[in-house]
Amino acid sequence: MNRSPLDHGRLRARLAAGEVALGTFIGSASPITAEVCAAAGADWVLLDLEHGAGGEEQVRTTVPAAAAYGVPTVVRVESAARIRIGRVLDLGVAGVMLPRIDTAAEAREALRHLRYPPAGDRGVATYNRACRFGLDPAALDREGEILGIVQIESASALGEVEEIAALDGADVLFVGPRDLSHDLGVPGDFTAPVYREALERVRKAAADHGKACGLLVPDGPAAAAKRTEGWTFIGIGSDSTLLATAVSTALDEARA
């Protein structure tokens, strides 16, 4: 295989083998920031199109910037619409995170967008980065390389998490802590029994079906704690929160 910014399924294979992968969210939509995070040693970076500052145009530059350090880019799409997912897939992302999925039926439909017919309904074209601009049409037969990440961030999704975990293509169950805690009636209280029980239910559902489980945490110590609990796809903050914390801490130390 010629050198390229494409991940070719390595991230998905690592997680399927039970490895832990640590990354961070890129909310600034800056390819330079993504490159900084990749250079710092992240296993993956996630360009956030749901809450982040940019749009699909930033995918075009983020993928090769992070890939220069061998780090794959995952994208959280703004919605699970077929055209939104297809756009980022054609730009060569390693995986797609699906937000606001509330039922197994919704997850099944969204995951179809990751695959070409007849298994799915992804639009077919070869003149894009995913097919090396027409030089690698065989990529159309390697769609199993794409990592599918389904967010569990509502009580409804939690109620069907076992069915979601059983779906082909749902490689990672990813908890959005804030969303899930709010929907469970304990906003931001990550020590509440109902929230902790929800986390365990997600982790067990993933383990029972041979899938990875992931969630977002604020810092390294929190990530280390979740690793010991069996979580394997862990996002450590975001570029903006990590920068803000580092600057705030440095200023506090300087003014002490």
C-alpha atoms as a PDB file:
ATOM      1  CA  MET A   1       0.000   0.000   0.000  1.00  0.00           C
ATOM      2  CA  ASN A   2       1.376   3.413  -0.954  1.00  0.00           C
ATOM      3  CA  ARG A   3       1.882   5.959   1.792  1.00  0.00           C
ATOM      4  CA  SER A   4      -1.341   7.834   2.467  1.00  0.00           C
ATOM      5  CA  PRO A   5      -3.206   9.673   5.243  1.00  0.00           C
ATOM      6  CA  LEU A   6      -5.708   6.811   5.465  1.00  0.00           C
ATOM      7  CA  ASP A   7      -5.848   4.583   8.528  1.00  0.00           C
ATOM      8  CA  HIS A   8      -6.849   1.449   6.575  1.00  0.00           C
ATOM      9  CA  GLY A   9      -8.735  -0.004   9.522  1.00  0.00           C
ATOM     10  CA  ARG A  10      -5.876  -0.075  12.013  1.00  0.00           C
ATOM     11  CA  LEU A  11      -7.785   1.753  14.747  1.00  0.00           C
ATOM     12  CA  ARG A  12     -10.780  -0.534  14.361  1.00  0.00           C
ATOM     13  CA  ALA A  13      -8.537  -3.603  14.489  1.00  0.00           C
ATOM     14  CA  ARG A  14      -6.770  -2.381  17.634  1.00  0.00           C
ATOM     15  CA  LEU A  15     -10.049  -1.910  19.459  1.00  0.00           C
ATOM     16  CA  ALA A  16     -11.413  -5.241  18.229  1.00  0.00           C
ATOM     17  CA  ALA A  17      -8.315  -6.855  19.713  1.00  0.00           C
ATOM     18  CA  GLY A  18      -9.095  -5.287  23.088  1.00  0.00           C
ATOM     19  CA  GLU A  19      -6.397  -2.616  23.076  1.00  0.00           C
ATOM     20  CA  VAL A  20      -6.904   0.697  24.836  1.00  0.00           C
ATOM     21  CA  ALA A  21      -6.884   3.793  22.624  1.00  0.00           C
ATOM     22  CA  LEU A  22      -6.598   7.262  24.156  1.00  0.00           C
ATOM     23  CA  GLY A  23      -7.436  10.424  22.272  1.00  0.00           C
ATOM     24  CA  THR A  24      -8.910  13.895  22.533  1.00  0.00           C
ATOM     25  CA  PHE A  25     -11.640  15.956  20.921  1.00  0.00           C
ATOM     26  CA  ILE A  26     -10.763  18.760  18.521  1.00  0.00           C
ATOM     27  CA  GLY A  27     -13.369  21.435  19.101  1.00  0.00           C
ATOM     28  CA  SER A  28     -11.399  24.325  17.681  1.00  0.00           C
ATOM     29  CA  ALA A  29     -11.585  22.860  14.157  1.00  0.00           C
ATOM     30  CA  SER A  30      -7.907  23.697  13.749  1.00  0.00           C
ATOM     31  CA  PRO A  31      -5.744  21.219  11.824  1.00  0.00           C
ATOM     32  CA  ILE A  32      -2.721  22.711  13.585  1.00  0.00           C
ATOM     33  CA  THR A  33      -4.218  21.881  16.966  1.00  0.00           C
ATOM     34  CA  ALA A  34      -5.034  18.396  15.729  1.00  0.00           C
ATOM     35  CA  GLU A  35      -1.427  18.025  14.609  1.00  0.00           C
ATOM     36  CA  VAL A  36      -0.201  19.216  18.014  1.00  0.00           C
ATOM     37  CA  CYS A  37      -2.343  16.593  19.755  1.00  0.00           C
ATOM     38  CA  ALA A  38      -1.097  13.931  17.348  1.00  0.00           C
ATOM     39  CA  ALA A  39       2.508  14.981  17.915  1.00  0.00           C
ATOM     40  CA  ALA A  40       1.909  14.764  21.668  1.00  0.00           C
ATOM     41  CA  GLY A  41       1.107  11.062  21.327  1.00  0.00           C
ATOM     42  CA  ALA A  42      -2.677  10.712  21.042  1.00  0.00           C
ATOM     43  CA  ASP A  43      -3.859   7.406  19.616  1.00  0.00           C
ATOM     44  CA  TRP A  44      -6.648   9.244  17.779  1.00  0.00           C
ATOM     45  CA  VAL A  45      -8.141  12.698  17.435  1.00  0.00           C
ATOM     46  CA  LEU A  46     -11.829  13.417  17.022  1.00  0.00           C
ATOM     47  CA  LEU A  47     -12.993  16.396  14.997  1.00  0.00           C
ATOM     48  CA  ASP A  48     -16.276  17.436  16.590  1.00  0.00           C
ATOM     49  CA  LEU A  49     -18.824  18.717  14.086  1.00  0.00           C
ATOM     50  CA  GLU A  50     -21.711  18.547  16.565  1.00  0.00           C
ATOM     51  CA  HIS A  51     -20.441  21.053  19.132  1.00  0.00           C
ATOM     52  CA  GLY A  52     -17.147  22.201  17.616  1.00  0.00           C
ATOM     53  CA  ALA A  53     -16.295  25.451  15.855  1.00  0.00           C
ATOM     54  CA  GLY A  54     -15.904  24.112  12.319  1.00  0.00           C
ATOM     55  CA  GLY A  55     -17.567  22.087   9.626  1.00  0.00           C
ATOM     56  CA  GLU A  56     -16.832  19.405   7.080  1.00  0.00           C
ATOM     57  CA  GLU A  57     -14.285  21.617   5.307  1.00  0.00           C
ATOM     58  CA  GLN A  58     -11.939  21.148   8.285  1.00  0.00           C
ATOM     59  CA  VAL A  59     -11.945  17.365   7.771  1.00  0.00           C
ATOM     60  CA  ARG A  60     -10.053  17.901   4.533  1.00  0.00           C
ATOM     61  CA  THR A  61      -7.025  19.352   6.355  1.00  0.00           C
ATOM     62  CA  THR A  62      -7.271  17.614   9.732  1.00  0.00           C
ATOM     63  CA  VAL A  63      -6.951  14.068   8.354  1.00  0.00           C
ATOM     64  CA  PRO A  64      -3.511  14.556   6.716  1.00  0.00           C
ATOM     65  CA  ALA A  65      -2.248  16.801   9.540  1.00  0.00           C
ATOM     66  CA  ALA A  66      -2.822  14.120  12.174  1.00  0.00           C
ATOM     67  CA  ALA A  67      -1.819  11.320   9.803  1.00  0.00           C
ATOM     68  CA  ALA A  68       1.629  12.898   9.416  1.00  0.00           C
ATOM     69  CA  TYR A  69       2.235  11.439  12.893  1.00  0.00           C
ATOM     70  CA  GLY A  70       0.442   8.169  12.164  1.00  0.00           C
ATOM     71  CA  VAL A  71      -2.646   9.257  14.095  1.00  0.00           C
ATOM     72  CA  PRO A  72      -6.143   8.605  12.653  1.00  0.00           C
ATOM     73  CA  THR A  73      -8.959  11.146  12.647  1.00  0.00           C
ATOM     74  CA  VAL A  74     -12.440  10.225  13.792  1.00  0.00           C
ATOM     75  CA  VAL A  75     -15.336  12.622  13.161  1.00  0.00           C
ATOM     76  CA  ARG A  76     -18.432  13.213  15.233  1.00  0.00           C
ATOM     77  CA  VAL A  77     -20.936  14.189  12.573  1.00  0.00           C
ATOM     78  CA  GLU A  78     -23.503  16.903  13.178  1.00  0.00           C
ATOM     79  CA  SER A  79     -26.289  14.404  12.580  1.00  0.00           C
ATOM     80  CA  ALA A  80     -26.733  10.795  11.486  1.00  0.00           C
ATOM     81  CA  ALA A  81     -28.065  11.870   8.085  1.00  0.00           C
ATOM     82  CA  ARG A  82     -26.725   9.780   5.206  1.00  0.00           C
ATOM     83  CA  ILE A  83     -25.244  12.724   3.308  1.00  0.00           C
ATOM     84  CA  ARG A  84     -23.402  14.064   6.372  1.00  0.00           C
ATOM     85  CA  ILE A  85     -21.816  10.678   7.079  1.00  0.00           C
ATOM     86  CA  GLY A  86     -20.968  10.058   3.431  1.00  0.00           C
ATOM     87  CA  ARG A  87     -19.210  13.407   3.112  1.00  0.00           C
ATOM     88  CA  VAL A  88     -16.742  12.732   5.932  1.00  0.00           C
ATOM     89  CA  LEU A  89     -16.174   9.134   4.831  1.00  0.00           C
ATOM     90  CA  ASP A  90     -15.169  10.308   1.355  1.00  0.00           C
ATOM     91  CA  LEU A  91     -12.658  12.656   3.015  1.00  0.00           C
ATOM     92  CA  GLY A  92     -10.843   9.654   4.479  1.00  0.00           C
ATOM     93  CA  VAL A  93     -11.766   9.541   8.157  1.00  0.00           C
ATOM     94  CA  ALA A  94     -10.967   6.418  10.172  1.00  0.00           C
ATOM     95  CA  GLY A  95     -14.307   6.351  11.936  1.00  0.00           C
ATOM     96  CA  VAL A  96     -17.584   8.120  12.561  1.00  0.00           C
ATOM     97  CA  MET A  97     -19.183   8.938  15.897  1.00  0.00           C
ATOM     98  CA  LEU A  98     -22.983   9.024  15.746  1.00  0.00           C
ATOM     99  CA  PRO A  99     -24.621  11.476  18.183  1.00  0.00           C
ATOM    100  CA  ARG A 100     -28.169  11.518  19.547  1.00  0.00           C
ATOM    101  CA  ILE A 101     -28.967   7.884  18.848  1.00  0.00           C
ATOM    102  CA  ASP A 102     -31.927   6.897  21.026  1.00  0.00           C
ATOM    103  CA  THR A 103     -32.945   3.448  19.766  1.00  0.00           C
ATOM    104  CA  ALA A 104     -31.462   0.332  18.231  1.00  0.00           C
ATOM    105  CA  ALA A 105     -33.517   1.021  15.093  1.00  0.00           C
ATOM    106  CA  GLU A 106     -31.927   4.460  14.730  1.00  0.00           C
ATOM    107  CA  ALA A 107     -28.488   2.984  15.264  1.00  0.00           C
ATOM    108  CA  ARG A 108     -29.104   0.261  12.673  1.00  0.00           C
ATOM    109  CA  GLU A 109     -30.205   2.824  10.095  1.00  0.00           C
ATOM    110  CA  ALA A 110     -27.256   5.147  10.782  1.00  0.00           C
ATOM    111  CA  LEU A 111     -24.736   2.315  10.567  1.00  0.00           C
ATOM    112  CA  ARG A 112     -26.054   1.454   7.101  1.00  0.00           C
ATOM    113  CA  HIS A 113     -24.684   4.812   5.964  1.00  0.00           C
ATOM    114  CA  LEU A 114     -21.136   3.575   6.681  1.00  0.00           C
ATOM    115  CA  ARG A 115     -21.359   0.834   4.048  1.00  0.00           C
ATOM    116  CA  TYR A 116     -21.855   0.639   0.319  1.00  0.00           C
ATOM    117  CA  PRO A 117     -24.794  -1.258  -1.211  1.00  0.00           C
ATOM    118  CA  PRO A 118     -26.001  -3.904  -0.856  1.00  0.00           C
ATOM    119  CA  ALA A 119     -25.003  -3.936   2.834  1.00  0.00           C
ATOM    120  CA  GLY A 120     -25.738  -0.231   3.216  1.00  0.00           C
ATOM    121  CA  ASP A 121     -26.640   2.928   1.342  1.00  0.00           C
ATOM    122  CA  ARG A 122     -23.404   4.933   1.206  1.00  0.00           C
ATOM    123  CA  GLY A 123     -23.038   6.784  -2.074  1.00  0.00           C
ATOM    124  CA  VAL A 124     -20.435   5.237  -4.389  1.00  0.00           C
ATOM    125  CA  ALA A 125     -17.639   7.368  -5.854  1.00  0.00           C
ATOM    126  CA  THR A 126     -13.919   6.802  -6.358  1.00  0.00           C
ATOM    127  CA  TYR A 127     -12.539  10.292  -7.078  1.00  0.00           C
ATOM    128  CA  ASN A 128     -12.059  11.118  -3.398  1.00  0.00           C
ATOM    129  CA  ARG A 129      -9.394  10.669  -0.747  1.00  0.00           C
ATOM    130  CA  ALA A 130     -11.003   7.470   0.534  1.00  0.00           C
ATOM    131  CA  CYS A 131     -10.239   5.855  -2.831  1.00  0.00           C
ATOM    132  CA  ARG A 132      -6.938   7.693  -3.279  1.00  0.00           C
ATOM    133  CA  PHE A 133      -8.518   9.927  -5.920  1.00  0.00           C
ATOM    134  CA  GLY A 134      -9.366   7.080  -8.261  1.00  0.00           C
ATOM    135  CA  LEU A 135      -6.055   5.241  -7.862  1.00  0.00           C
ATOM    136  CA  ASP A 136      -7.483   2.711  -5.385  1.00  0.00           C
ATOM    137  CA  PRO A 137     -10.977   1.646  -6.498  1.00  0.00           C
ATOM    138  CA  ALA A 138     -10.488  -1.576  -4.516  1.00  0.00           C
ATOM    139  CA  ALA A 139     -11.175   0.546  -1.435  1.00  0.00           C
ATOM    140  CA  LEU A 140     -14.843   0.068  -2.265  1.00  0.00           C
ATOM    141  CA  ASP A 141     -14.431  -3.536  -1.157  1.00  0.00           C
ATOM    142  CA  ARG A 142     -12.692  -2.632   2.120  1.00  0.00           C
ATOM    143  CA  GLU A 143     -15.459  -0.759   3.863  1.00  0.00           C
ATOM    144  CA  GLY A 144     -15.001  -2.906   6.981  1.00  0.00           C
ATOM    145  CA  GLU A 145     -12.111  -0.587   7.827  1.00  0.00           C
ATOM    146  CA  ILE A 146     -14.438   2.144   9.141  1.00  0.00           C
ATOM    147  CA  LEU A 147     -14.887   2.384  12.909  1.00  0.00           C
ATOM    148  CA  GLY A 148     -18.526   2.846  13.927  1.00  0.00           C
ATOM    149  CA  ILE A 149     -19.081   4.627  17.245  1.00  0.00           C
ATOM    150  CA  VAL A 150     -22.604   4.869  18.656  1.00  0.00           C
ATOM    151  CA  GLN A 151     -23.181   7.378  21.418  1.00  0.00           C
ATOM    152  CA  ILE A 152     -25.194   6.337  24.441  1.00  0.00           C
ATOM    153  CA  GLU A 153     -26.330   9.653  25.857  1.00  0.00           C
ATOM    154  CA  SER A 154     -30.000   9.266  26.740  1.00  0.00           C
ATOM    155  CA  ALA A 155     -32.162   7.099  28.958  1.00  0.00           C
ATOM    156  CA  SER A 156     -33.809   5.779  25.801  1.00  0.00           C
ATOM    157  CA  ALA A 157     -30.506   4.617  24.324  1.00  0.00           C
ATOM    158  CA  LEU A 158     -29.530   3.128  27.665  1.00  0.00           C
ATOM    159  CA  GLY A 159     -32.763   1.141  27.666  1.00  0.00           C
ATOM    160  CA  GLU A 160     -31.778  -0.505  24.366  1.00  0.00           C
ATOM    161  CA  VAL A 161     -28.021  -0.611  24.862  1.00  0.00           C
ATOM    162  CA  GLU A 162     -27.836  -4.404  24.672  1.00  0.00           C
ATOM    163  CA  GLU A 163     -29.607  -4.394  21.304  1.00  0.00           C
ATOM    164  CA  ILE A 164     -27.352  -1.586  20.071  1.00  0.00           C
ATOM    165  CA  ALA A 165     -24.241  -3.464  21.184  1.00  0.00           C
ATOM    166  CA  ALA A 166     -25.366  -6.498  19.182  1.00  0.00           C
ATOM    167  CA  LEU A 167     -25.497  -4.573  15.902  1.00  0.00           C
ATOM    168  CA  ASP A 168     -22.895  -5.326  13.261  1.00  0.00           C
ATOM    169  CA  GLY A 169     -20.826  -2.195  12.743  1.00  0.00           C
ATOM    170  CA  ALA A 170     -21.434  -0.768  16.219  1.00  0.00           C
ATOM    171  CA  ASP A 171     -17.780  -1.147  17.186  1.00  0.00           C
ATOM    172  CA  VAL A 172     -17.776   1.265  20.135  1.00  0.00           C
ATOM    173  CA  LEU A 173     -20.453   2.287  22.619  1.00  0.00           C
ATOM    174  CA  PHE A 174     -19.522   5.800  23.683  1.00  0.00           C
ATOM    175  CA  VAL A 175     -21.048   7.552  26.677  1.00  0.00           C
ATOM    176  CA  GLY A 176     -21.577  11.289  26.582  1.00  0.00           C
ATOM    177  CA  PRO A 177     -21.345  11.947  30.346  1.00  0.00           C
ATOM    178  CA  ARG A 178     -23.045  15.328  30.422  1.00  0.00           C
ATOM    179  CA  ASP A 179     -25.895  14.367  28.125  1.00  0.00           C
ATOM    180  CA  LEU A 180     -26.524  11.061  29.858  1.00  0.00           C
ATOM    181  CA  SER A 181     -26.398  12.511  33.370  1.00  0.00           C
ATOM    182  CA  HIS A 182     -28.826  15.273  32.373  1.00  0.00           C
ATOM    183  CA  ASP A 183     -31.234  12.806  30.791  1.00  0.00           C
ATOM    184  CA  LEU A 184     -31.077  10.597  33.874  1.00  0.00           C
ATOM    185  CA  GLY A 185     -32.065  13.551  36.059  1.00  0.00           C
ATOM    186  CA  VAL A 186     -28.689  14.011  37.778  1.00  0.00           C
ATOM    187  CA  PRO A 187     -27.041  16.783  35.698  1.00  0.00           C
ATOM    188  CA  GLY A 188     -23.265  16.644  36.057  1.00  0.00           C
ATOM    189  CA  ASP A 189     -23.388  14.372  39.108  1.00  0.00           C
ATOM    190  CA  PHE A 190     -21.092  11.580  38.006  1.00  0.00           C
ATOM    191  CA  THR A 191     -21.169  10.007  41.474  1.00  0.00           C
ATOM    192  CA  ALA A 192     -24.948   9.510  41.472  1.00  0.00           C
ATOM    193  CA  PRO A 193     -25.892   5.824  41.759  1.00  0.00           C
ATOM    194  CA  VAL A 194     -28.221   5.993  38.735  1.00  0.00           C
ATOM    195  CA  TYR A 195     -25.396   7.356  36.582  1.00  0.00           C
ATOM    196  CA  ARG A 196     -22.797   4.883  37.844  1.00  0.00           C
ATOM    197  CA  GLU A 197     -25.234   2.014  37.243  1.00  0.00           C
ATOM    198  CA  ALA A 198     -25.793   3.316  33.716  1.00  0.00           C
ATOM    199  CA  LEU A 199     -22.051   3.325  33.035  1.00  0.00           C
ATOM    200  CA  GLU A 200     -21.742  -0.249  34.234  1.00  0.00           C
ATOM    201  CA  ARG A 201     -24.657  -1.316  32.057  1.00  0.00           C
ATOM    202  CA  VAL A 202     -22.981   0.198  28.982  1.00  0.00           C
ATOM    203  CA  ARG A 203     -19.620  -1.357  29.835  1.00  0.00           C
ATOM    204  CA  LYS A 204     -21.167  -4.785  30.376  1.00  0.00           C
ATOM    205  CA  ALA A 205     -23.229  -4.616  27.169  1.00  0.00           C
ATOM    206  CA  ALA A 206     -20.081  -3.815  25.194  1.00  0.00           C
ATOM    207  CA  ALA A 207     -18.109  -6.606  26.863  1.00  0.00           C
ATOM    208  CA  ASP A 208     -20.880  -9.164  26.346  1.00  0.00           C
ATOM    209  CA  HIS A 209     -20.896  -8.471  22.597  1.00  0.00           C
ATOM    210  CA  GLY A 210     -17.152  -8.114  22.082  1.00  0.00           C
ATOM    211  CA  LYS A 211     -17.332  -4.371  21.479  1.00  0.00           C
ATOM    212  CA  ALA A 212     -15.237  -1.502  22.806  1.00  0.00           C
ATOM    213  CA  CYS A 213     -16.649   0.916  25.355  1.00  0.00           C
ATOM    214  CA  GLY A 214     -15.708   4.563  25.525  1.00  0.00           C
ATOM    215  CA  LEU A 215     -16.426   7.813  27.245  1.00  0.00           C
ATOM    216  CA  LEU A 216     -15.120  11.342  27.673  1.00  0.00           C
ATOM    217  CA  VAL A 217     -13.174  12.246  30.819  1.00  0.00           C
ATOM    218  CA  PRO A 218     -11.567  15.531  31.892  1.00  0.00           C
ATOM    219  CA  ASP A 219      -7.964  14.529  32.502  1.00  0.00           C
ATOM    220  CA  GLY A 220      -5.273  11.854  32.646  1.00  0.00           C
ATOM    221  CA  PRO A 221      -5.982  10.556  36.158  1.00  0.00           C
ATOM    222  CA  ALA A 222      -9.649  10.099  35.282  1.00  0.00           C
ATOM    223  CA  ALA A 223      -8.658   8.223  32.118  1.00  0.00           C
ATOM    224  CA  ALA A 224      -6.320   5.967  34.105  1.00  0.00           C
ATOM    225  CA  ALA A 225      -9.147   5.159  36.518  1.00  0.00           C
ATOM    226  CA  LYS A 226     -11.498   4.245  33.682  1.00  0.00           C
ATOM    227  CA  ARG A 227      -8.843   2.049  32.088  1.00  0.00           C
ATOM    228  CA  THR A 228      -8.758  -0.050  35.245  1.00  0.00           C
ATOM    229  CA  GLU A 229     -12.547  -0.415  35.014  1.00  0.00           C
ATOM    230  CA  GLY A 230     -12.296  -1.835  31.495  1.00  0.00           C
ATOM    231  CA  TRP A 231     -13.007   1.190  29.310  1.00  0.00           C
ATOM    232  CA  THR A 232     -10.967   1.094  26.116  1.00  0.00           C
ATOM    233  CA  PHE A 233     -11.803   4.110  23.912  1.00  0.00           C
ATOM    234  CA  ILE A 234     -11.238   7.105  26.140  1.00  0.00           C
ATOM    235  CA  GLY A 235     -11.359  10.755  25.154  1.00  0.00           C
ATOM    236  CA  ILE A 236      -9.347  13.035  27.431  1.00  0.00           C
ATOM    237  CA  GLY A 237     -10.956  16.452  27.314  1.00  0.00           C
ATOM    238  CA  SER A 238     -10.693  18.589  24.200  1.00  0.00           C
ATOM    239  CA  ASP A 239      -8.079  20.833  22.682  1.00  0.00           C
ATOM    240  CA  SER A 240      -9.774  23.917  24.128  1.00  0.00           C
ATOM    241  CA  THR A 241     -10.382  22.546  27.634  1.00  0.00           C
ATOM    242  CA  LEU A 242      -6.857  21.140  27.909  1.00  0.00           C
ATOM    243  CA  LEU A 243      -5.371  24.443  26.731  1.00  0.00           C
ATOM    244  CA  ALA A 244      -7.583  26.499  29.035  1.00  0.00           C
ATOM    245  CA  THR A 245      -6.646  24.323  32.018  1.00  0.00           C
ATOM    246  CA  ALA A 246      -2.933  24.486  31.238  1.00  0.00           C
ATOM    247  CA  VAL A 247      -2.953  28.275  30.823  1.00  0.00           C
ATOM    248  CA  SER A 248      -5.112  28.814  33.910  1.00  0.00           C
ATOM    249  CA  THR A 249      -2.839  26.598  36.006  1.00  0.00           C
ATOM    250  CA  ALA A 250       0.303  28.338  34.768  1.00  0.00           C
ATOM    251  CA  LEU A 251      -1.162  31.778  35.528  1.00  0.00           C
ATOM    252  CA  ASP A 252      -2.323  30.697  38.994  1.00  0.00           C
ATOM    253  CA  GLU A 253       1.157  29.372  39.734  1.00  0.00           C
ATOM    254  CA  ALA A 254       2.792  32.560  38.478  1.00  0.00           C
ATOM    255  CA  ARG A 255       0.503  34.757  40.592  1.00  0.00           C
ATOM    256  CA  ALA A 256       0.668  32.652  43.755  1.00  0.00           C
END
